[in-house]
C-alpha cells in the first residue's frame, strides 16, 4: 500500500522508506548510488591528478575602452607580457565602430563585433610577448581617418 503525503510515517519520520514498498525503496537506493557514483567520477575527472597541466590563468584585468568617431579612449595602465586583459568596448559615437587588437607582427588577436551607437562588446586578450600592439577600427574608412591607438606591453 502506498502511503499518502499526510501520513505521519512520511512527514516526520527519520526513515521515510519504511512507508514505501521494499522494492521502491531498493530502487530509490540504487538510483541514489548511481547518481553519487556519477558525481564522484565527474568530480574526480575535473580535479584530475598531477597530469602536468599548468594552473589555470589568473583572472583577467578589465580595461574599459570607448570608441567614437575616429578615436579610442581609455587607460589600460601598464600591461606586462603574460597578462590577460578583458577589454569592454563601448561605442559612444554616432557611427558604427569595432575594435581589433593586432600583435606586433600584425596578426589579429581578437576583434569585437560591429557595434552600433550605444552598443558594448567584450573581448579577452592574453599578451604573450612584450612589444608594440595596435588597436584599430576596421569599419568603413575609420582606420584611414586615424581610428587606431598604440598599446605598449612591457617585459615581465
N, C-alpha and C. Protein backbone atom coordinates (compact mmCIF):
# COMPACT_ATOMS: atom_id res chain seq x y z
N UNK A 1 0.84 -1.17 0.00
CA UNK A 1 0.00 0.00 0.00
C UNK A 1 0.88 1.23 0.00
N UNK A 2 0.55 2.23 -0.86
CA UNK A 2 1.28 3.50 -0.93
C UNK A 2 0.85 4.37 0.24
N UNK A 3 1.81 5.07 0.81
CA UNK A 3 1.45 5.99 1.89
C UNK A 3 1.10 7.34 1.29
N UNK A 4 0.24 8.05 1.95
CA UNK A 4 -0.16 9.38 1.47
C UNK A 4 0.83 10.40 2.01
N UNK A 5 0.91 11.55 1.37
CA UNK A 5 1.82 12.58 1.84
C UNK A 5 1.48 13.06 3.25
N UNK A 6 0.24 12.84 3.70
CA UNK A 6 -0.15 13.27 5.04
C UNK A 6 0.16 12.23 6.10
N UNK A 7 0.64 11.09 5.67
CA UNK A 7 0.93 10.01 6.60
C UNK A 7 2.04 10.42 7.55
N UNK A 8 1.87 10.16 8.86
CA UNK A 8 2.92 10.52 9.82
C UNK A 8 4.22 9.80 9.53
N UNK A 9 4.15 8.62 8.94
CA UNK A 9 5.39 7.89 8.68
C UNK A 9 6.22 8.57 7.59
N UNK A 10 5.60 9.39 6.76
CA UNK A 10 6.34 10.08 5.71
C UNK A 10 6.72 11.47 6.17
N UNK A 11 5.80 12.19 6.80
CA UNK A 11 6.03 13.58 7.17
C UNK A 11 7.15 13.76 8.18
N UNK A 12 7.08 13.10 9.29
CA UNK A 12 8.05 13.38 10.33
C UNK A 12 9.03 12.26 10.58
N UNK A 13 8.93 11.18 9.88
CA UNK A 13 9.77 10.03 10.15
C UNK A 13 11.19 10.29 9.69
N UNK A 14 12.11 9.73 10.45
CA UNK A 14 13.51 9.84 10.04
C UNK A 14 13.84 8.78 8.99
N UNK A 15 12.92 7.86 8.75
CA UNK A 15 13.13 6.82 7.76
C UNK A 15 11.89 6.69 6.90
N UNK A 16 11.71 7.58 5.91
CA UNK A 16 10.50 7.56 5.10
C UNK A 16 10.40 6.32 4.22
N UNK A 17 11.51 5.61 3.98
CA UNK A 17 11.45 4.42 3.13
C UNK A 17 10.57 3.34 3.75
N UNK A 18 10.37 3.35 5.07
CA UNK A 18 9.54 2.33 5.72
C UNK A 18 8.09 2.43 5.26
N UNK A 19 7.66 3.59 4.84
CA UNK A 19 6.28 3.78 4.42
C UNK A 19 6.08 3.33 2.98
N UNK A 20 7.15 3.10 2.23
CA UNK A 20 7.02 2.69 0.84
C UNK A 20 7.30 1.20 0.72
N UNK A 21 6.82 0.61 -0.34
CA UNK A 21 7.12 -0.80 -0.55
C UNK A 21 8.64 -1.02 -0.66
N UNK A 22 9.09 -2.18 -0.24
CA UNK A 22 10.51 -2.50 -0.21
C UNK A 22 11.15 -2.39 -1.59
N UNK A 23 10.47 -2.81 -2.66
CA UNK A 23 11.04 -2.73 -4.00
C UNK A 23 11.29 -1.29 -4.41
N UNK A 24 10.38 -0.39 -4.07
CA UNK A 24 10.54 1.02 -4.41
C UNK A 24 11.72 1.62 -3.64
N UNK A 25 11.81 1.30 -2.35
CA UNK A 25 12.92 1.80 -1.53
C UNK A 25 14.25 1.28 -2.07
N UNK A 26 14.30 0.02 -2.47
CA UNK A 26 15.53 -0.55 -3.02
C UNK A 26 15.90 0.14 -4.34
N UNK A 27 14.88 0.43 -5.17
CA UNK A 27 15.11 1.12 -6.43
C UNK A 27 15.66 2.53 -6.16
N UNK A 28 15.03 3.24 -5.21
CA UNK A 28 15.49 4.59 -4.85
C UNK A 28 16.94 4.55 -4.38
N UNK A 29 17.29 3.57 -3.56
CA UNK A 29 18.66 3.44 -3.06
C UNK A 29 19.63 3.19 -4.21
N UNK A 30 19.22 2.36 -5.17
CA UNK A 30 20.08 2.06 -6.32
C UNK A 30 20.29 3.32 -7.16
N UNK A 31 19.22 4.09 -7.38
CA UNK A 31 19.34 5.32 -8.17
C UNK A 31 20.26 6.30 -7.46
N UNK A 32 20.08 6.45 -6.13
CA UNK A 32 20.96 7.36 -5.38
C UNK A 32 22.42 6.92 -5.50
N UNK A 33 22.67 5.63 -5.44
CA UNK A 33 24.04 5.12 -5.54
C UNK A 33 24.65 5.43 -6.90
N UNK A 34 23.86 5.28 -7.96
CA UNK A 34 24.35 5.57 -9.31
C UNK A 34 24.64 7.06 -9.45
N UNK A 35 23.75 7.90 -8.94
CA UNK A 35 23.95 9.35 -9.02
C UNK A 35 25.20 9.76 -8.24
N UNK A 36 25.36 9.24 -7.04
CA UNK A 36 26.54 9.57 -6.23
C UNK A 36 27.81 9.10 -6.93
N UNK A 37 27.79 7.90 -7.50
CA UNK A 37 28.97 7.39 -8.21
C UNK A 37 29.30 8.26 -9.41
N UNK A 38 28.27 8.69 -10.16
CA UNK A 38 28.49 9.55 -11.32
C UNK A 38 29.08 10.89 -10.90
N UNK A 39 28.58 11.44 -9.81
CA UNK A 39 29.12 12.71 -9.32
C UNK A 39 30.58 12.57 -8.89
N UNK A 40 30.90 11.46 -8.23
CA UNK A 40 32.28 11.25 -7.80
C UNK A 40 33.21 11.11 -9.00
N UNK A 41 32.76 10.42 -10.04
CA UNK A 41 33.57 10.29 -11.25
C UNK A 41 33.76 11.66 -11.90
N UNK A 42 32.68 12.47 -11.98
CA UNK A 42 32.77 13.79 -12.59
C UNK A 42 33.70 14.70 -11.81
N UNK A 43 33.60 14.67 -10.49
CA UNK A 43 34.48 15.49 -9.66
C UNK A 43 35.92 15.04 -9.81
N UNK A 44 36.13 13.75 -9.80
CA UNK A 44 37.49 13.22 -9.97
C UNK A 44 38.08 13.61 -11.31
N UNK A 45 37.28 13.55 -12.36
CA UNK A 45 37.76 13.91 -13.69
C UNK A 45 38.08 15.39 -13.78
N UNK A 46 37.26 16.23 -13.15
CA UNK A 46 37.51 17.66 -13.23
C UNK A 46 38.68 18.07 -12.38
N UNK A 47 38.91 17.38 -11.28
CA UNK A 47 40.06 17.72 -10.43
C UNK A 47 41.34 17.16 -11.03
N UNK A 48 41.24 16.00 -11.62
CA UNK A 48 42.40 15.38 -12.25
C UNK A 48 43.47 15.07 -11.22
N UNK A 49 44.49 14.46 -11.67
CA UNK A 49 45.62 14.19 -10.81
C UNK A 49 46.73 15.14 -11.17
N UNK A 50 47.93 14.73 -10.94
CA UNK A 50 49.07 15.54 -11.33
C UNK A 50 49.41 15.18 -12.76
N UNK A 51 48.70 15.79 -13.70
CA UNK A 51 48.88 15.47 -15.11
C UNK A 51 49.92 16.36 -15.75
N UNK A 52 50.51 17.27 -14.97
CA UNK A 52 51.50 18.17 -15.52
C UNK A 52 50.88 19.39 -16.17
N UNK A 53 49.56 19.52 -16.14
CA UNK A 53 48.91 20.67 -16.74
C UNK A 53 49.21 21.91 -15.92
N UNK A 54 49.26 23.04 -16.61
CA UNK A 54 49.52 24.29 -15.92
C UNK A 54 48.31 24.70 -15.10
N UNK A 55 48.55 25.50 -14.08
CA UNK A 55 47.46 26.03 -13.27
C UNK A 55 46.64 26.97 -14.15
N UNK A 56 45.34 27.11 -13.85
CA UNK A 56 44.52 28.00 -14.67
C UNK A 56 45.06 29.43 -14.57
N UNK A 57 44.91 30.20 -15.67
CA UNK A 57 45.42 31.55 -15.64
C UNK A 57 44.67 32.40 -14.61
N UNK A 58 45.37 33.43 -14.14
CA UNK A 58 44.71 34.30 -13.17
C UNK A 58 43.60 35.08 -13.86
N UNK A 59 42.76 35.66 -13.06
CA UNK A 59 41.61 36.40 -13.59
C UNK A 59 42.09 37.58 -14.44
N UNK A 60 41.37 37.83 -15.52
CA UNK A 60 41.72 38.93 -16.42
C UNK A 60 41.42 40.27 -15.76
N UNK A 61 42.25 41.25 -16.07
CA UNK A 61 42.02 42.62 -15.62
C UNK A 61 41.10 43.29 -16.64
N UNK A 62 40.13 44.06 -16.17
CA UNK A 62 39.18 44.72 -17.05
C UNK A 62 39.69 46.11 -17.42
N UNK A 63 39.67 46.41 -18.72
CA UNK A 63 40.01 47.73 -19.23
C UNK A 63 38.85 48.21 -20.06
N UNK A 64 38.29 49.36 -19.68
CA UNK A 64 37.17 49.93 -20.42
C UNK A 64 37.70 50.85 -21.51
N UNK A 65 37.15 50.67 -22.72
CA UNK A 65 37.55 51.46 -23.88
C UNK A 65 36.29 52.06 -24.50
N UNK A 66 36.37 53.33 -24.89
CA UNK A 66 35.26 53.92 -25.62
C UNK A 66 35.71 54.17 -27.05
N UNK A 67 34.78 53.95 -27.97
CA UNK A 67 35.02 54.21 -29.38
C UNK A 67 34.07 55.33 -29.80
N UNK A 68 34.63 56.30 -30.48
CA UNK A 68 33.83 57.39 -31.03
C UNK A 68 34.39 57.70 -32.41
N UNK A 69 33.89 58.72 -33.05
CA UNK A 69 34.32 58.98 -34.40
C UNK A 69 35.83 59.18 -34.47
N UNK A 70 36.45 58.14 -35.02
CA UNK A 70 37.85 58.09 -35.40
C UNK A 70 38.83 58.16 -34.23
N UNK A 71 38.38 57.66 -33.05
CA UNK A 71 39.29 57.63 -31.90
C UNK A 71 38.85 56.57 -30.90
N UNK A 72 39.83 56.07 -30.14
CA UNK A 72 39.60 55.21 -28.99
C UNK A 72 40.08 55.98 -27.76
N UNK A 73 39.43 55.77 -26.64
CA UNK A 73 39.96 56.34 -25.40
C UNK A 73 39.80 55.33 -24.29
N UNK A 74 40.66 55.45 -23.30
CA UNK A 74 40.66 54.54 -22.17
C UNK A 74 42.06 54.52 -21.59
N UNK A 75 42.22 53.95 -20.42
CA UNK A 75 43.52 53.90 -19.78
C UNK A 75 43.84 52.46 -19.38
N UNK A 76 44.64 51.77 -20.20
CA UNK A 76 44.96 50.38 -19.86
C UNK A 76 45.99 50.25 -18.75
N UNK A 77 46.61 51.37 -18.36
CA UNK A 77 47.68 51.27 -17.37
C UNK A 77 48.85 50.51 -17.96
N UNK A 78 49.67 49.93 -17.11
CA UNK A 78 50.82 49.15 -17.57
C UNK A 78 50.38 47.72 -17.83
N UNK A 79 50.67 47.23 -19.03
CA UNK A 79 50.38 45.84 -19.37
C UNK A 79 51.72 45.12 -19.45
N UNK A 80 51.79 43.98 -18.79
CA UNK A 80 53.02 43.20 -18.73
C UNK A 80 52.83 41.92 -19.54
N UNK A 81 53.88 41.49 -20.24
CA UNK A 81 53.83 40.26 -21.02
C UNK A 81 53.30 39.12 -20.14
N UNK A 82 52.37 38.35 -20.69
CA UNK A 82 51.75 37.25 -19.96
C UNK A 82 50.43 37.64 -19.33
N UNK A 83 50.14 38.93 -19.28
CA UNK A 83 48.90 39.41 -18.64
C UNK A 83 47.70 39.24 -19.58
N UNK A 84 46.56 38.96 -18.98
CA UNK A 84 45.31 38.83 -19.73
C UNK A 84 44.45 40.05 -19.43
N UNK A 85 43.96 40.67 -20.49
CA UNK A 85 43.12 41.87 -20.37
C UNK A 85 41.76 41.58 -20.99
N UNK A 86 40.74 41.95 -20.25
CA UNK A 86 39.36 41.85 -20.72
C UNK A 86 38.94 43.25 -21.13
N UNK A 87 38.91 43.52 -22.45
CA UNK A 87 38.53 44.83 -22.95
C UNK A 87 37.00 44.91 -23.06
N UNK A 88 36.42 45.91 -22.42
CA UNK A 88 34.99 46.18 -22.54
C UNK A 88 34.89 47.44 -23.40
N UNK A 89 34.41 47.26 -24.63
CA UNK A 89 34.41 48.34 -25.61
C UNK A 89 32.99 48.87 -25.78
N UNK A 90 32.84 50.18 -25.58
CA UNK A 90 31.53 50.84 -25.71
C UNK A 90 31.59 51.87 -26.82
N UNK A 91 30.61 51.83 -27.70
CA UNK A 91 30.52 52.81 -28.78
C UNK A 91 29.72 54.01 -28.27
N UNK A 92 30.41 55.12 -28.06
CA UNK A 92 29.74 56.34 -27.61
C UNK A 92 29.58 57.34 -28.75
N UNK A 93 29.90 56.89 -29.97
CA UNK A 93 29.79 57.76 -31.14
C UNK A 93 28.44 57.65 -31.83
N UNK A 94 28.35 58.29 -32.98
CA UNK A 94 27.13 58.29 -33.78
C UNK A 94 27.18 57.27 -34.92
N UNK A 95 28.37 56.75 -35.22
CA UNK A 95 28.55 55.78 -36.29
C UNK A 95 28.89 54.41 -35.70
N UNK A 96 28.80 53.36 -36.53
CA UNK A 96 29.23 52.03 -36.11
C UNK A 96 30.74 52.01 -35.92
N UNK A 97 31.22 51.20 -34.98
CA UNK A 97 32.65 51.03 -34.74
C UNK A 97 32.91 49.57 -34.36
N UNK A 98 34.19 49.20 -34.37
CA UNK A 98 34.64 47.91 -33.85
C UNK A 98 36.03 48.17 -33.27
N UNK A 99 36.55 47.18 -32.56
CA UNK A 99 37.93 47.29 -32.08
C UNK A 99 38.60 45.94 -32.29
N UNK A 100 39.75 46.00 -32.95
CA UNK A 100 40.55 44.81 -33.19
C UNK A 100 41.92 45.02 -32.57
N UNK A 101 42.45 43.99 -31.92
CA UNK A 101 43.77 44.06 -31.31
C UNK A 101 44.74 43.34 -32.23
N UNK A 102 45.78 44.07 -32.66
CA UNK A 102 46.79 43.49 -33.54
C UNK A 102 48.11 43.31 -32.78
N UNK A 103 48.73 42.16 -32.97
CA UNK A 103 50.04 41.85 -32.38
C UNK A 103 51.12 42.67 -33.09
N UNK A 104 52.31 42.73 -32.52
CA UNK A 104 53.40 43.47 -33.18
C UNK A 104 53.67 43.00 -34.62
N UNK A 105 53.40 41.73 -34.91
CA UNK A 105 53.62 41.22 -36.27
C UNK A 105 52.40 41.41 -37.18
N UNK A 106 51.36 42.08 -36.68
CA UNK A 106 50.18 42.37 -37.49
C UNK A 106 49.06 41.33 -37.39
N UNK A 107 49.31 40.22 -36.68
CA UNK A 107 48.26 39.21 -36.50
C UNK A 107 47.12 39.77 -35.68
N UNK A 108 45.90 39.38 -36.04
CA UNK A 108 44.73 39.76 -35.26
C UNK A 108 44.61 38.83 -34.06
N UNK A 109 44.55 39.43 -32.85
CA UNK A 109 44.43 38.63 -31.63
C UNK A 109 42.98 38.50 -31.18
N UNK A 110 42.18 39.51 -31.45
CA UNK A 110 40.76 39.49 -31.08
C UNK A 110 40.09 40.68 -31.72
N UNK A 111 38.77 40.55 -31.92
CA UNK A 111 38.02 41.63 -32.54
C UNK A 111 36.60 41.63 -32.00
N UNK A 112 36.09 42.82 -31.71
CA UNK A 112 34.70 42.93 -31.28
C UNK A 112 33.78 42.75 -32.48
N UNK A 113 32.51 42.59 -32.19
CA UNK A 113 31.51 42.67 -33.24
C UNK A 113 31.43 44.12 -33.71
N UNK A 114 30.76 44.33 -34.82
CA UNK A 114 30.48 45.70 -35.26
C UNK A 114 29.45 46.27 -34.29
N UNK A 115 29.79 47.41 -33.69
CA UNK A 115 28.96 47.99 -32.63
C UNK A 115 28.22 49.22 -33.14
N UNK A 116 26.90 49.18 -33.05
CA UNK A 116 26.11 50.35 -33.37
C UNK A 116 26.22 51.35 -32.23
N UNK A 117 25.76 52.59 -32.45
CA UNK A 117 25.80 53.59 -31.39
C UNK A 117 25.15 53.07 -30.11
N UNK A 118 25.86 53.23 -29.00
CA UNK A 118 25.35 52.79 -27.70
C UNK A 118 25.63 51.34 -27.35
N UNK A 119 26.15 50.56 -28.30
CA UNK A 119 26.38 49.13 -28.06
C UNK A 119 27.72 48.90 -27.37
N UNK A 120 27.82 47.75 -26.72
CA UNK A 120 29.04 47.35 -26.00
C UNK A 120 29.36 45.90 -26.32
N UNK A 121 30.65 45.59 -26.40
CA UNK A 121 31.09 44.22 -26.60
C UNK A 121 32.35 44.03 -25.75
N UNK A 122 32.72 42.78 -25.60
CA UNK A 122 33.84 42.43 -24.73
C UNK A 122 34.73 41.43 -25.46
N UNK A 123 36.03 41.64 -25.38
CA UNK A 123 37.00 40.68 -25.91
C UNK A 123 38.10 40.49 -24.88
N UNK A 124 38.68 39.31 -24.87
CA UNK A 124 39.75 38.99 -23.92
C UNK A 124 41.00 38.64 -24.69
N UNK A 125 42.11 39.26 -24.29
CA UNK A 125 43.38 39.05 -24.97
C UNK A 125 44.46 38.75 -23.93
N UNK A 126 45.24 37.70 -24.18
CA UNK A 126 46.43 37.43 -23.39
C UNK A 126 47.62 37.90 -24.20
N UNK A 127 48.37 38.82 -23.63
CA UNK A 127 49.55 39.39 -24.30
C UNK A 127 50.76 38.54 -23.93
N UNK A 128 51.07 37.58 -24.79
CA UNK A 128 52.15 36.63 -24.50
C UNK A 128 53.53 37.28 -24.49
N UNK A 129 53.73 38.25 -25.39
CA UNK A 129 55.05 38.84 -25.55
C UNK A 129 55.01 40.35 -25.38
N UNK A 130 56.16 40.90 -24.98
CA UNK A 130 56.29 42.35 -24.91
C UNK A 130 56.34 42.89 -26.34
N UNK A 131 55.95 44.16 -26.49
CA UNK A 131 56.03 44.78 -27.81
C UNK A 131 54.98 45.84 -28.00
N UNK A 132 54.95 46.38 -29.22
CA UNK A 132 54.01 47.44 -29.58
C UNK A 132 52.80 46.83 -30.28
N UNK A 133 51.66 46.85 -29.63
CA UNK A 133 50.41 46.33 -30.16
C UNK A 133 49.57 47.51 -30.66
N UNK A 134 48.58 47.22 -31.50
CA UNK A 134 47.71 48.28 -32.01
C UNK A 134 46.26 47.91 -31.80
N UNK A 135 45.46 48.92 -31.54
CA UNK A 135 44.00 48.81 -31.53
C UNK A 135 43.53 49.55 -32.76
N UNK A 136 42.70 48.89 -33.58
CA UNK A 136 42.21 49.55 -34.80
C UNK A 136 40.70 49.35 -34.94
N UNK A 137 40.09 50.26 -35.68
CA UNK A 137 38.70 50.11 -36.11
C UNK A 137 38.75 49.88 -37.60
N UNK A 138 38.23 48.74 -38.05
CA UNK A 138 38.27 48.46 -39.49
C UNK A 138 36.91 48.67 -40.16
N UNK A 139 36.01 49.40 -39.52
CA UNK A 139 34.72 49.71 -40.12
C UNK A 139 34.92 50.81 -41.17
N UNK A 140 34.43 50.55 -42.36
CA UNK A 140 34.50 51.51 -43.47
C UNK A 140 35.90 52.12 -43.57
N UNK A 141 36.00 53.45 -43.56
CA UNK A 141 37.30 54.12 -43.73
C UNK A 141 37.85 54.65 -42.40
N UNK A 142 37.40 54.11 -41.28
CA UNK A 142 37.78 54.64 -39.97
C UNK A 142 39.28 54.55 -39.71
N UNK A 143 39.91 53.46 -40.13
CA UNK A 143 41.35 53.32 -39.90
C UNK A 143 42.11 54.39 -40.68
N UNK A 144 41.73 54.61 -41.92
CA UNK A 144 42.42 55.63 -42.73
C UNK A 144 42.16 57.03 -42.19
N UNK A 145 41.10 57.20 -41.43
CA UNK A 145 40.81 58.50 -40.80
C UNK A 145 41.48 58.62 -39.43
N UNK A 146 42.26 57.61 -39.05
CA UNK A 146 43.06 57.71 -37.83
C UNK A 146 42.53 56.97 -36.62
N UNK A 147 41.50 56.10 -36.79
CA UNK A 147 40.97 55.41 -35.62
C UNK A 147 41.85 54.20 -35.30
N UNK A 148 42.92 54.48 -34.58
CA UNK A 148 43.82 53.45 -34.09
C UNK A 148 44.51 54.00 -32.84
N UNK A 149 45.06 53.10 -32.07
CA UNK A 149 45.78 53.50 -30.86
C UNK A 149 46.90 52.50 -30.62
N UNK A 150 47.99 52.98 -30.06
CA UNK A 150 49.10 52.11 -29.72
C UNK A 150 48.94 51.58 -28.30
N UNK A 151 49.49 50.39 -28.09
CA UNK A 151 49.39 49.75 -26.78
C UNK A 151 50.74 49.08 -26.51
N UNK A 152 51.48 49.57 -25.53
CA UNK A 152 52.80 49.03 -25.24
C UNK A 152 52.68 47.94 -24.16
N UNK A 153 53.25 46.78 -24.43
CA UNK A 153 53.29 45.68 -23.47
C UNK A 153 54.74 45.52 -23.04
N UNK A 154 54.97 45.60 -21.74
CA UNK A 154 56.33 45.55 -21.19
C UNK A 154 56.75 44.12 -20.84
N UNK A 155 58.07 43.94 -20.76
CA UNK A 155 58.64 42.65 -20.31
C UNK A 155 58.22 42.41 -18.85
N UNK A 156 58.19 41.16 -18.48
CA UNK A 156 57.89 40.81 -17.07
C UNK A 156 58.97 41.27 -16.16
